[in-house]
Amino acid sequence: MLASWYDAQGPAAEVLRVGELPDPEPGPGEVRVRVTVSGVNPGDTKKRRGWLGSSMPFPRVIPHSDAAGVVDAVGAGVSARRVGQRVWVHGAQSYRAFGTAAQYTVVPEELAVPLPDHLGDELGASLGIPGITAHRAVFADGPVDGRIVLVHGVLGGVGSLAAQLARWGGATVVATVRRRADLERVDPDVVAHAVALDSPDPAATIRAYAPGGVHRIVEVSLSDNADLDNAVAANEAVVAAYATGADRTGIPFWPLLFNNVTLRLIGSDDFPAEAKRQAARDLTAAAAVGALRVAVAELVPLEEIAKAHDRVDAGSRGRVLVTIPG
């Protein structure tokens, strides 16, 4: 099969290779997926770079956890009826050596989720890490129907899906962007109120929309927003943080304590299995009724995968996908 891989960590152009590798075969409980589109996430490029001092987990790595494609072979214990089924894939390179940047990927069958025929491969390849992270951030502490959910970084991959999932779940969504110039890019059908963080008093603006405070906060940069979150959180609110700007992040401990705020830190590789299954079910259901859209910034052929990684490392606005030749 044609695949991309790296045998050492480093800059994309220096370590990513493209060439032929043996076709993988599914083992018991596994399916093989003929990949059409592979999704690139910041986590994929961080692994390749050795972010935070991480080392090579395996001697050779085929990157990427997300994809869309078609099941073309199954292992023992898996129904043969799955052959020919369109699927979206998540977690392919989570604690596994070989991900989706290849013509074939082999995963446990539950990681290959049926993709409704009317949904495109580009959307399917965009639901994995960002969608499951967004789902956990929004729903880990229960339903949001009738609640006010604040989503920071709503134009980002996780933030955009979190806002859409919260809206799908019946919440009123308040969202932030970095700059006032970005406000026009926010979808008013999803976000009831958008606030720019460079405005004079974003906390007061959010409080004007939510006088009693917000019930859930989806946080992309806890170190930057901890004081703002404290200022707008309702009593017993939950701050679900999936990223931060500083490794050692300070928080206004006592005000948050007196307000009974829960701080939930979420890392997608280690979500409980049932949480991932529920996320997959809900993401597929929401997408099927048109409640989820993903902005694709660029489609890059597999032969130019280093370019795709560089786009993600540079902070691409929108999803970067790698197309896999037939």
C-alpha atoms as a PDB file:
ATOM      1  CA  MET A   1       0.000   0.000   0.000  1.00  0.00           C
ATOM      2  CA  LEU A   2       0.991   3.627  -0.429  1.00  0.00           C
ATOM      3  CA  ALA A   3       1.551   5.246   2.956  1.00  0.00           C
ATOM      4  CA  SER A   4       3.319   8.017   4.819  1.00  0.00           C
ATOM      5  CA  TRP A   5       5.382   7.320   7.916  1.00  0.00           C
ATOM      6  CA  TYR A   6       8.188   8.585  10.110  1.00  0.00           C
ATOM      7  CA  ASP A   7      10.953   6.656  11.867  1.00  0.00           C
ATOM      8  CA  ALA A   8      12.162   9.610  13.945  1.00  0.00           C
ATOM      9  CA  GLN A   9      10.614  12.800  15.279  1.00  0.00           C
ATOM     10  CA  GLY A  10      11.334  16.196  13.799  1.00  0.00           C
ATOM     11  CA  PRO A  11      10.208  18.769  11.202  1.00  0.00           C
ATOM     12  CA  ALA A  12       7.631  17.438   8.756  1.00  0.00           C
ATOM     13  CA  ALA A  13       9.740  17.901   5.624  1.00  0.00           C
ATOM     14  CA  GLU A  14      12.676  16.099   7.224  1.00  0.00           C
ATOM     15  CA  VAL A  15      11.019  13.045   8.772  1.00  0.00           C
ATOM     16  CA  LEU A  16       7.834  12.251   6.841  1.00  0.00           C
ATOM     17  CA  ARG A  17       8.300   9.669   4.115  1.00  0.00           C
ATOM     18  CA  VAL A  18       5.900   8.498   1.404  1.00  0.00           C
ATOM     19  CA  GLY A  19       6.266   5.093  -0.222  1.00  0.00           C
ATOM     20  CA  GLU A  20       5.127   1.488  -0.255  1.00  0.00           C
ATOM     21  CA  LEU A  21       4.509  -0.571   2.888  1.00  0.00           C
ATOM     22  CA  PRO A  22       2.941  -4.027   3.253  1.00  0.00           C
ATOM     23  CA  ASP A  23      -0.849  -4.119   3.303  1.00  0.00           C
ATOM     24  CA  PRO A  24      -2.093  -4.642   6.878  1.00  0.00           C
ATOM     25  CA  GLU A  25      -4.416  -7.522   7.713  1.00  0.00           C
ATOM     26  CA  PRO A  26      -7.204  -7.293  10.294  1.00  0.00           C
ATOM     27  CA  GLY A  27      -6.938  -9.445  13.388  1.00  0.00           C
ATOM     28  CA  PRO A  28      -9.763 -10.720  15.623  1.00  0.00           C
ATOM     29  CA  GLY A  29     -12.325  -7.990  16.277  1.00  0.00           C
ATOM     30  CA  GLU A  30     -10.752  -5.657  13.723  1.00  0.00           C
ATOM     31  CA  VAL A  31     -11.714  -4.206  10.365  1.00  0.00           C
ATOM     32  CA  ARG A  32      -9.542  -2.929   7.555  1.00  0.00           C
ATOM     33  CA  VAL A  33     -10.600   0.377   6.044  1.00  0.00           C
ATOM     34  CA  ARG A  34      -9.694   1.526   2.554  1.00  0.00           C
ATOM     35  CA  VAL A  35      -8.984   5.169   3.375  1.00  0.00           C
ATOM     36  CA  THR A  36     -10.175   7.945   1.081  1.00  0.00           C
ATOM     37  CA  VAL A  37      -9.524  10.994   3.276  1.00  0.00           C
ATOM     38  CA  SER A  38      -7.253  11.283   6.331  1.00  0.00           C
ATOM     39  CA  GLY A  39      -7.668  14.095   8.867  1.00  0.00           C
ATOM     40  CA  VAL A  40      -4.712  16.004  10.313  1.00  0.00           C
ATOM     41  CA  ASN A  41      -5.011  17.191  13.920  1.00  0.00           C
ATOM     42  CA  PRO A  42      -2.661  19.292  16.052  1.00  0.00           C
ATOM     43  CA  GLY A  43      -2.138  16.190  18.193  1.00  0.00           C
ATOM     44  CA  ASP A  44      -0.783  14.337  15.156  1.00  0.00           C
ATOM     45  CA  THR A  45       1.797  16.996  14.399  1.00  0.00           C
ATOM     46  CA  LYS A  46       2.748  17.317  18.063  1.00  0.00           C
ATOM     47  CA  LYS A  47       3.488  13.607  18.231  1.00  0.00           C
ATOM     48  CA  ARG A  48       5.632  13.947  15.129  1.00  0.00           C
ATOM     49  CA  ARG A  49       7.522  16.921  16.606  1.00  0.00           C
ATOM     50  CA  GLY A  50       8.094  15.316  20.025  1.00  0.00           C
ATOM     51  CA  TRP A  51       6.010  17.934  21.828  1.00  0.00           C
ATOM     52  CA  LEU A  52       6.596  18.224  25.614  1.00  0.00           C
ATOM     53  CA  GLY A  53       9.536  15.862  25.335  1.00  0.00           C
ATOM     54  CA  SER A  54       7.519  12.909  24.084  1.00  0.00           C
ATOM     55  CA  SER A  55       9.518  10.144  22.438  1.00  0.00           C
ATOM     56  CA  MET A  56       8.790   7.742  19.604  1.00  0.00           C
ATOM     57  CA  PRO A  57       6.148   5.328  20.955  1.00  0.00           C
ATOM     58  CA  PHE A  58       6.949   2.797  18.223  1.00  0.00           C
ATOM     59  CA  PRO A  59       9.942   2.353  15.898  1.00  0.00           C
ATOM     60  CA  ARG A  60       7.789   3.444  12.931  1.00  0.00           C
ATOM     61  CA  VAL A  61       4.608   5.524  12.974  1.00  0.00           C
ATOM     62  CA  ILE A  62       1.997   6.060  10.276  1.00  0.00           C
ATOM     63  CA  PRO A  63       0.397   9.280  11.542  1.00  0.00           C
ATOM     64  CA  HIS A  64      -3.208  10.469  11.940  1.00  0.00           C
ATOM     65  CA  SER A  65      -6.110   9.096  13.943  1.00  0.00           C
ATOM     66  CA  ASP A  66      -9.071  10.301  11.862  1.00  0.00           C
ATOM     67  CA  ALA A  67     -10.312   9.232   8.444  1.00  0.00           C
ATOM     68  CA  ALA A  68     -13.192   8.301   6.190  1.00  0.00           C
ATOM     69  CA  GLY A  69     -13.296   5.324   3.883  1.00  0.00           C
ATOM     70  CA  VAL A  70     -14.832   1.925   3.191  1.00  0.00           C
ATOM     71  CA  VAL A  71     -14.439  -1.341   5.104  1.00  0.00           C
ATOM     72  CA  ASP A  72     -12.817  -3.819   2.713  1.00  0.00           C
ATOM     73  CA  ALA A  73     -11.877  -6.723   5.022  1.00  0.00           C
ATOM     74  CA  VAL A  74     -12.778  -7.983   8.500  1.00  0.00           C
ATOM     75  CA  GLY A  75     -11.088 -10.132  11.102  1.00  0.00           C
ATOM     76  CA  ALA A  76     -12.429 -13.074  13.058  1.00  0.00           C
ATOM     77  CA  GLY A  77     -15.547 -12.296  15.056  1.00  0.00           C
ATOM     78  CA  VAL A  78     -16.624  -9.374  12.875  1.00  0.00           C
ATOM     79  CA  SER A  79     -19.689  -9.682  10.653  1.00  0.00           C
ATOM     80  CA  ALA A  80     -18.869  -9.996   6.958  1.00  0.00           C
ATOM     81  CA  ARG A  81     -21.780  -7.619   6.348  1.00  0.00           C
ATOM     82  CA  ARG A  82     -19.479  -4.786   7.321  1.00  0.00           C
ATOM     83  CA  VAL A  83     -17.480  -5.238   4.102  1.00  0.00           C
ATOM     84  CA  GLY A  84     -18.407  -2.427   1.723  1.00  0.00           C
ATOM     85  CA  GLN A  85     -19.710  -0.196   4.510  1.00  0.00           C
ATOM     86  CA  ARG A  86     -18.765   3.501   4.433  1.00  0.00           C
ATOM     87  CA  VAL A  87     -17.289   4.567   7.765  1.00  0.00           C
ATOM     88  CA  TRP A  88     -15.606   7.354   9.638  1.00  0.00           C
ATOM     89  CA  VAL A  89     -12.620   6.355  11.753  1.00  0.00           C
ATOM     90  CA  HIS A  90     -11.339   7.729  15.045  1.00  0.00           C
ATOM     91  CA  GLY A  91      -8.499   6.748  17.357  1.00  0.00           C
ATOM     92  CA  ALA A  92      -6.539   4.842  14.725  1.00  0.00           C
ATOM     93  CA  GLN A  93      -3.192   6.099  16.019  1.00  0.00           C
ATOM     94  CA  SER A  94      -4.124   6.359  19.683  1.00  0.00           C
ATOM     95  CA  TYR A  95      -1.700   3.974  21.425  1.00  0.00           C
ATOM     96  CA  ARG A  96      -1.264   2.299  18.039  1.00  0.00           C
ATOM     97  CA  ALA A  97       1.607   2.501  15.571  1.00  0.00           C
ATOM     98  CA  PHE A  98      -0.225   2.738  12.270  1.00  0.00           C
ATOM     99  CA  GLY A  99      -2.789   5.452  11.648  1.00  0.00           C
ATOM    100  CA  THR A 100      -4.769   6.645   8.647  1.00  0.00           C
ATOM    101  CA  ALA A 101      -2.163   8.351   6.421  1.00  0.00           C
ATOM    102  CA  ALA A 102      -2.190   5.295   4.175  1.00  0.00           C
ATOM    103  CA  GLN A 103      -4.343   3.472   1.666  1.00  0.00           C
ATOM    104  CA  TYR A 104      -5.382   1.017   4.400  1.00  0.00           C
ATOM    105  CA  THR A 105      -5.746   1.239   8.155  1.00  0.00           C
ATOM    106  CA  VAL A 106      -6.720  -1.528  10.574  1.00  0.00           C
ATOM    107  CA  VAL A 107      -8.675  -0.647  13.710  1.00  0.00           C
ATOM    108  CA  PRO A 108     -10.921  -2.330  16.292  1.00  0.00           C
ATOM    109  CA  GLU A 109     -14.334  -2.469  14.657  1.00  0.00           C
ATOM    110  CA  GLU A 110     -15.941   0.005  17.099  1.00  0.00           C
ATOM    111  CA  LEU A 111     -13.516   2.698  15.895  1.00  0.00           C
ATOM    112  CA  ALA A 112     -14.963   2.430  12.368  1.00  0.00           C
ATOM    113  CA  VAL A 113     -18.350   4.131  12.685  1.00  0.00           C
ATOM    114  CA  PRO A 114     -20.983   3.750   9.937  1.00  0.00           C
ATOM    115  CA  LEU A 115     -21.189   6.940   7.859  1.00  0.00           C
ATOM    116  CA  PRO A 116     -24.626   7.713   6.389  1.00  0.00           C
ATOM    117  CA  ASP A 117     -24.584   7.648   2.606  1.00  0.00           C
ATOM    118  CA  HIS A 118     -25.688  11.275   2.231  1.00  0.00           C
ATOM    119  CA  LEU A 119     -22.679  12.573   4.225  1.00  0.00           C
ATOM    120  CA  GLY A 120     -19.378  13.299   2.508  1.00  0.00           C
ATOM    121  CA  ASP A 121     -15.999  11.804   3.286  1.00  0.00           C
ATOM    122  CA  GLU A 122     -14.579  15.224   4.174  1.00  0.00           C
ATOM    123  CA  LEU A 123     -17.075  15.602   7.003  1.00  0.00           C
ATOM    124  CA  GLY A 124     -16.519  12.023   8.111  1.00  0.00           C
ATOM    125  CA  ALA A 125     -12.758  12.524   8.305  1.00  0.00           C
ATOM    126  CA  SER A 126     -13.341  15.607  10.481  1.00  0.00           C
ATOM    127  CA  LEU A 127     -15.466  14.048  13.221  1.00  0.00           C
ATOM    128  CA  GLY A 128     -12.840  12.092  15.153  1.00  0.00           C
ATOM    129  CA  ILE A 129     -10.561  13.860  17.600  1.00  0.00           C
ATOM    130  CA  PRO A 130     -12.184  17.315  17.359  1.00  0.00           C
ATOM    131  CA  GLY A 131     -15.718  15.955  17.443  1.00  0.00           C
ATOM    132  CA  ILE A 132     -15.228  13.524  20.313  1.00  0.00           C
ATOM    133  CA  THR A 133     -13.322  16.161  22.305  1.00  0.00           C
ATOM    134  CA  ALA A 134     -16.101  18.674  21.662  1.00  0.00           C
ATOM    135  CA  HIS A 135     -18.769  16.175  22.668  1.00  0.00           C
ATOM    136  CA  ARG A 136     -17.004  15.375  25.927  1.00  0.00           C
ATOM    137  CA  ALA A 137     -16.567  19.068  26.722  1.00  0.00           C
ATOM    138  CA  VAL A 138     -20.244  19.787  26.169  1.00  0.00           C
ATOM    139  CA  PHE A 139     -21.964  16.658  27.511  1.00  0.00           C
ATOM    140  CA  ALA A 140     -19.649  15.030  30.079  1.00  0.00           C
ATOM    141  CA  ASP A 141     -21.668  16.601  32.893  1.00  0.00           C
ATOM    142  CA  GLY A 142     -25.107  15.869  31.529  1.00  0.00           C
ATOM    143  CA  PRO A 143     -27.605  17.307  29.041  1.00  0.00           C
ATOM    144  CA  VAL A 144     -27.452  20.974  28.079  1.00  0.00           C
ATOM    145  CA  ASP A 145     -31.065  21.496  27.026  1.00  0.00           C
ATOM    146  CA  GLY A 146     -32.135  24.895  28.341  1.00  0.00           C
ATOM    147  CA  ARG A 147     -28.622  25.737  29.536  1.00  0.00           C
ATOM    148  CA  ILE A 148     -26.266  28.502  28.477  1.00  0.00           C
ATOM    149  CA  VAL A 149     -22.982  27.190  27.090  1.00  0.00           C
ATOM    150  CA  LEU A 150     -19.980  29.464  26.552  1.00  0.00           C
ATOM    151  CA  VAL A 151     -17.612  28.233  23.848  1.00  0.00           C
ATOM    152  CA  HIS A 152     -14.202  29.866  23.605  1.00  0.00           C
ATOM    153  CA  GLY A 153     -12.419  29.772  20.266  1.00  0.00           C
ATOM    154  CA  VAL A 154     -15.599  29.035  18.354  1.00  0.00           C
ATOM    155  CA  LEU A 155     -13.853  29.338  14.990  1.00  0.00           C
ATOM    156  CA  GLY A 156     -11.435  26.505  15.844  1.00  0.00           C
ATOM    157  CA  GLY A 157     -11.886  22.822  15.072  1.00  0.00           C
ATOM    158  CA  VAL A 158     -13.075  21.729  18.523  1.00  0.00           C
ATOM    159  CA  GLY A 159     -14.810  25.006  19.339  1.00  0.00           C
ATOM    160  CA  SER A 160     -16.887  25.015  16.170  1.00  0.00           C
ATOM    161  CA  LEU A 161     -18.122  21.468  16.719  1.00  0.00           C
ATOM    162  CA  ALA A 162     -18.728  22.131  20.433  1.00  0.00           C
ATOM    163  CA  ALA A 163     -20.970  25.075  19.582  1.00  0.00           C
ATOM    164  CA  GLN A 164     -22.895  23.050  17.018  1.00  0.00           C
ATOM    165  CA  LEU A 165     -23.309  20.097  19.376  1.00  0.00           C
ATOM    166  CA  ALA A 166     -24.471  22.373  22.204  1.00  0.00           C
ATOM    167  CA  ARG A 167     -27.013  23.991  19.898  1.00  0.00           C
ATOM    168  CA  TRP A 168     -28.138  20.550  18.700  1.00  0.00           C
ATOM    169  CA  GLY A 169     -28.520  19.586  22.364  1.00  0.00           C
ATOM    170  CA  GLY A 170     -30.880  22.482  23.050  1.00  0.00           C
ATOM    171  CA  ALA A 171     -28.484  24.989  24.629  1.00  0.00           C
ATOM    172  CA  THR A 172     -28.179  28.699  24.060  1.00  0.00           C
ATOM    173  CA  VAL A 173     -24.647  29.218  22.804  1.00  0.00           C
ATOM    174  CA  VAL A 174     -22.499  32.216  23.675  1.00  0.00           C
ATOM    175  CA  ALA A 175     -19.107  32.156  21.984  1.00  0.00           C
ATOM    176  CA  THR A 176     -15.865  34.081  21.850  1.00  0.00           C
ATOM    177  CA  VAL A 177     -13.408  34.949  19.123  1.00  0.00           C
ATOM    178  CA  ARG A 178     -10.018  36.565  19.536  1.00  0.00           C
ATOM    179  CA  ARG A 179     -10.606  39.707  17.507  1.00  0.00           C
ATOM    180  CA  ARG A 180     -13.570  41.914  16.659  1.00  0.00           C
ATOM    181  CA  ALA A 181     -12.757  41.442  12.983  1.00  0.00           C
ATOM    182  CA  ASP A 182     -13.596  37.735  13.393  1.00  0.00           C
ATOM    183  CA  LEU A 183     -17.147  38.325  14.606  1.00  0.00           C
ATOM    184  CA  GLU A 184     -18.518  38.335  11.065  1.00  0.00           C
ATOM    185  CA  ARG A 185     -17.267  34.754  10.591  1.00  0.00           C
ATOM    186  CA  VAL A 186     -19.448  33.365  13.408  1.00  0.00           C
ATOM    187  CA  ASP A 187     -22.540  31.424  12.303  1.00  0.00           C
ATOM    188  CA  PRO A 188     -25.624  33.160  13.789  1.00  0.00           C
ATOM    189  CA  ASP A 189     -27.707  30.020  13.264  1.00  0.00           C
ATOM    190  CA  VAL A 190     -25.519  28.278  15.872  1.00  0.00           C
ATOM    191  CA  VAL A 191     -24.269  31.070  18.137  1.00  0.00           C
ATOM    192  CA  ALA A 192     -26.858  33.296  19.778  1.00  0.00           C
ATOM    193  CA  HIS A 193     -24.290  35.834  20.976  1.00  0.00           C
ATOM    194  CA  ALA A 194     -20.663  36.263  19.898  1.00  0.00           C
ATOM    195  CA  VAL A 195     -18.108  38.271  21.881  1.00  0.00           C
ATOM    196  CA  ALA A 196     -14.633  39.383  20.878  1.00  0.00           C
ATOM    197  CA  LEU A 197     -11.949  38.977  23.526  1.00  0.00           C
ATOM    198  CA  ASP A 198     -10.275  42.193  22.397  1.00  0.00           C
ATOM    199  CA  SER A 199     -13.408  44.214  23.191  1.00  0.00           C
ATOM    200  CA  PRO A 200     -13.252  46.617  26.170  1.00  0.00           C
ATOM    201  CA  ASP A 201     -15.014  44.350  28.699  1.00  0.00           C
ATOM    202  CA  PRO A 202     -15.875  40.889  27.344  1.00  0.00           C
ATOM    203  CA  ALA A 203     -16.956  39.623  30.780  1.00  0.00           C
ATOM    204  CA  ALA A 204     -19.550  42.370  31.117  1.00  0.00           C
ATOM    205  CA  THR A 205     -20.820  41.673  27.621  1.00  0.00           C
ATOM    206  CA  ILE A 206     -21.200  37.957  28.350  1.00  0.00           C
ATOM    207  CA  ARG A 207     -22.931  38.747  31.651  1.00  0.00           C
ATOM    208  CA  ALA A 208     -25.366  40.980  29.768  1.00  0.00           C
ATOM    209  CA  TYR A 209     -26.356  37.952  27.700  1.00  0.00           C
ATOM    210  CA  ALA A 210     -26.316  35.612  30.717  1.00  0.00           C
ATOM    211  CA  PRO A 211     -27.175  37.646  33.850  1.00  0.00           C
ATOM    212  CA  GLY A 212     -27.202  34.534  36.018  1.00  0.00           C
ATOM    213  CA  GLY A 213     -23.958  33.281  34.556  1.00  0.00           C
ATOM    214  CA  VAL A 214     -23.180  30.523  32.071  1.00  0.00           C
ATOM    215  CA  HIS A 215     -23.638  26.870  33.001  1.00  0.00           C
ATOM    216  CA  ARG A 216     -20.928  25.218  30.884  1.00  0.00           C
ATOM    217  CA  ILE A 217     -17.690  26.653  29.525  1.00  0.00           C
ATOM    218  CA  VAL A 218     -15.771  24.932  26.722  1.00  0.00           C
ATOM    219  CA  GLU A 219     -12.221  26.193  27.257  1.00  0.00           C
ATOM    220  CA  VAL A 220      -9.412  26.254  24.694  1.00  0.00           C
ATOM    221  CA  SER A 221      -6.930  28.358  26.694  1.00  0.00           C
ATOM    222  CA  LEU A 222      -7.433  28.090  30.433  1.00  0.00           C
ATOM    223  CA  SER A 223      -4.326  30.096  31.294  1.00  0.00           C
ATOM    224  CA  ASP A 224      -5.595  33.068  29.276  1.00  0.00           C
ATOM    225  CA  ASN A 225      -9.265  32.862  30.220  1.00  0.00           C
ATOM    226  CA  ALA A 226      -9.360  31.677  33.850  1.00  0.00           C
ATOM    227  CA  ASP A 227     -10.283  35.098  35.245  1.00  0.00           C
ATOM    228  CA  LEU A 228     -12.872  35.683  32.529  1.00  0.00           C
ATOM    229  CA  ASP A 229     -14.386  32.263  33.169  1.00  0.00           C
ATOM    230  CA  ASN A 230     -14.569  33.004  36.868  1.00  0.00           C
ATOM    231  CA  ALA A 231     -16.332  36.312  36.154  1.00  0.00           C
ATOM    232  CA  VAL A 232     -19.078  34.750  34.015  1.00  0.00           C
ATOM    233  CA  ALA A 233     -19.618  31.300  35.566  1.00  0.00           C
ATOM    234  CA  ALA A 234     -22.903  30.491  37.244  1.00  0.00           C
ATOM    235  CA  ASN A 235     -22.919  28.734  40.598  1.00  0.00           C
ATOM    236  CA  GLU A 236     -22.010  25.059  40.025  1.00  0.00           C
ATOM    237  CA  ALA A 237     -20.878  25.753  36.476  1.00  0.00           C
ATOM    238  CA  VAL A 238     -18.432  23.399  34.750  1.00  0.00           C
ATOM    239  CA  VAL A 239     -15.311  24.589  32.938  1.00  0.00           C
ATOM    240  CA  ALA A 240     -14.215  21.842  30.523  1.00  0.00           C
ATOM    241  CA  ALA A 241     -10.679  22.648  29.376  1.00  0.00           C
ATOM    242  CA  TYR A 242      -9.018  20.769  26.536  1.00  0.00           C
ATOM    243  CA  ALA A 243      -6.033  23.105  26.117  1.00  0.00           C
ATOM    244  CA  THR A 244      -4.097  25.902  27.821  1.00  0.00           C
ATOM    245  CA  GLY A 245      -1.491  28.435  26.867  1.00  0.00           C
ATOM    246  CA  ALA A 246       0.838  27.780  29.821  1.00  0.00           C
ATOM    247  CA  ASP A 247       1.868  24.357  31.092  1.00  0.00           C
ATOM    248  CA  ARG A 248       1.560  25.501  34.697  1.00  0.00           C
ATOM    249  CA  THR A 249      -1.760  27.330  34.652  1.00  0.00           C
ATOM    250  CA  GLY A 250      -2.922  29.552  37.504  1.00  0.00           C
ATOM    251  CA  ILE A 251      -6.583  29.883  38.458  1.00  0.00           C
ATOM    252  CA  PRO A 252      -8.502  32.195  40.840  1.00  0.00           C
ATOM    253  CA  PHE A 253      -8.951  29.354  43.289  1.00  0.00           C
ATOM    254  CA  TRP A 254     -11.042  30.879  46.068  1.00  0.00           C
ATOM    255  CA  PRO A 255     -13.601  32.699  43.880  1.00  0.00           C
ATOM    256  CA  LEU A 256     -14.086  29.517  41.862  1.00  0.00           C
ATOM    257  CA  LEU A 257     -14.390  27.483  45.068  1.00  0.00           C
ATOM    258  CA  PHE A 258     -16.988  29.794  46.587  1.00  0.00           C
ATOM    259  CA  ASN A 259     -18.923  29.564  43.325  1.00  0.00           C
ATOM    260  CA  ASN A 260     -18.727  25.737  43.424  1.00  0.00           C
ATOM    261  CA  VAL A 261     -17.239  25.596  39.940  1.00  0.00           C
ATOM    262  CA  THR A 262     -16.042  22.264  38.596  1.00  0.00           C
ATOM    263  CA  LEU A 263     -12.852  22.264  36.536  1.00  0.00           C
ATOM    264  CA  ARG A 264     -12.802  19.311  34.145  1.00  0.00           C
ATOM    265  CA  LEU A 265      -9.602  18.597  32.211  1.00  0.00           C
ATOM    266  CA  ILE A 266     -10.168  16.464  29.134  1.00  0.00           C
ATOM    267  CA  GLY A 267      -7.670  14.506  27.031  1.00  0.00           C
ATOM    268  CA  SER A 268      -9.273  12.679  24.127  1.00  0.00           C
ATOM    269  CA  ASP A 269      -6.973   9.638  23.953  1.00  0.00           C
ATOM    270  CA  ASP A 270      -8.049   8.528  27.411  1.00  0.00           C
ATOM    271  CA  PHE A 271     -11.775   9.209  27.502  1.00  0.00           C
ATOM    272  CA  PRO A 272     -13.792   6.281  28.884  1.00  0.00           C
ATOM    273  CA  ALA A 273     -14.763   3.800  26.176  1.00  0.00           C
ATOM    274  CA  GLU A 274     -18.482   4.360  26.708  1.00  0.00           C
ATOM    275  CA  ALA A 275     -17.991   8.139  26.419  1.00  0.00           C
ATOM    276  CA  LYS A 276     -16.337   7.603  23.038  1.00  0.00           C
ATOM    277  CA  ARG A 277     -19.129   5.299  21.907  1.00  0.00           C
ATOM    278  CA  GLN A 278     -21.791   7.806  22.934  1.00  0.00           C
ATOM    279  CA  ALA A 279     -19.891  10.600  21.244  1.00  0.00           C
ATOM    280  CA  ALA A 280     -19.693   8.580  18.033  1.00  0.00           C
ATOM    281  CA  ARG A 281     -23.433   7.896  18.145  1.00  0.00           C
ATOM    282  CA  ASP A 282     -24.320  11.521  18.794  1.00  0.00           C
ATOM    283  CA  LEU A 283     -21.886  12.936  16.241  1.00  0.00           C
ATOM    284  CA  THR A 284     -23.284  10.655  13.549  1.00  0.00           C
ATOM    285  CA  ALA A 285     -26.872  11.495  14.499  1.00  0.00           C
ATOM    286  CA  ALA A 286     -26.222  15.236  14.547  1.00  0.00           C
ATOM    287  CA  ALA A 287     -24.378  15.113  11.248  1.00  0.00           C
ATOM    288  CA  ALA A 288     -27.146  13.018   9.670  1.00  0.00           C
ATOM    289  CA  VAL A 289     -29.740  15.746  10.313  1.00  0.00           C
ATOM    290  CA  GLY A 290     -27.478  18.527   9.062  1.00  0.00           C
ATOM    291  CA  ALA A 291     -26.589  19.913  12.485  1.00  0.00           C
ATOM    292  CA  LEU A 292     -22.814  19.645  11.940  1.00  0.00           C
ATOM    293  CA  ARG A 293     -20.679  21.391   9.367  1.00  0.00           C
ATOM    294  CA  VAL A 294     -16.912  21.582   9.109  1.00  0.00           C
ATOM    295  CA  ALA A 295     -14.914  24.244   7.289  1.00  0.00           C
ATOM    296  CA  VAL A 296     -12.232  22.557   5.212  1.00  0.00           C
ATOM    297  CA  ALA A 297      -9.251  24.826   4.667  1.00  0.00           C
ATOM    298  CA  GLU A 298      -7.260  22.592   2.367  1.00  0.00           C
ATOM    299  CA  LEU A 299      -7.180  19.193   0.688  1.00  0.00           C
ATOM    300  CA  VAL A 300      -3.603  17.969   0.269  1.00  0.00           C
ATOM    301  CA  PRO A 301      -2.545  14.835  -1.640  1.00  0.00           C
ATOM    302  CA  LEU A 302      -0.700  12.178   0.337  1.00  0.00           C
ATOM    303  CA  GLU A 303       2.497  12.858  -1.596  1.00  0.00           C
ATOM    304  CA  GLU A 304       2.500  16.360  -0.063  1.00  0.00           C
ATOM    305  CA  ILE A 305       1.662  15.358   3.506  1.00  0.00           C
ATOM    306  CA  ALA A 306       4.507  17.463   4.924  1.00  0.00           C
ATOM    307  CA  LYS A 307       2.710  20.520   3.557  1.00  0.00           C
ATOM    308  CA  ALA A 308      -0.452  19.482   5.400  1.00  0.00           C
ATOM    309  CA  HIS A 309       1.456  19.102   8.686  1.00  0.00           C
ATOM    310  CA  ASP A 310       3.072  22.509   8.211  1.00  0.00           C
ATOM    311  CA  ARG A 311      -0.359  24.084   7.649  1.00  0.00           C
ATOM    312  CA  VAL A 312      -1.645  22.619  10.908  1.00  0.00           C
ATOM    313  CA  ASP A 313       1.489  23.638  12.819  1.00  0.00           C
ATOM    314  CA  ALA A 314       1.008  27.173  11.507  1.00  0.00           C
ATOM    315  CA  GLY A 315      -2.527  27.277  12.918  1.00  0.00           C
ATOM    316  CA  SER A 316      -4.619  26.756   9.801  1.00  0.00           C
ATOM    317  CA  ARG A 317      -8.094  28.235   9.863  1.00  0.00           C
ATOM    318  CA  GLY A 318     -10.203  25.239   9.037  1.00  0.00           C
ATOM    319  CA  ARG A 319      -9.695  21.534   8.689  1.00  0.00           C
ATOM    320  CA  VAL A 320      -6.670  20.225   6.781  1.00  0.00           C
ATOM    321  CA  LEU A 321      -7.278  16.873   5.096  1.00  0.00           C
ATOM    322  CA  VAL A 322      -5.019  14.509   3.199  1.00  0.00           C
ATOM    323  CA  THR A 323      -6.512  12.740   0.178  1.00  0.00           C
ATOM    324  CA  ILE A 324      -5.472   9.138  -0.351  1.00  0.00           C
ATOM    325  CA  PRO A 325      -5.165   7.853  -3.939  1.00  0.00           C
ATOM    326  CA  GLY A 326      -7.195   4.850  -5.033  1.00  0.00           C
END
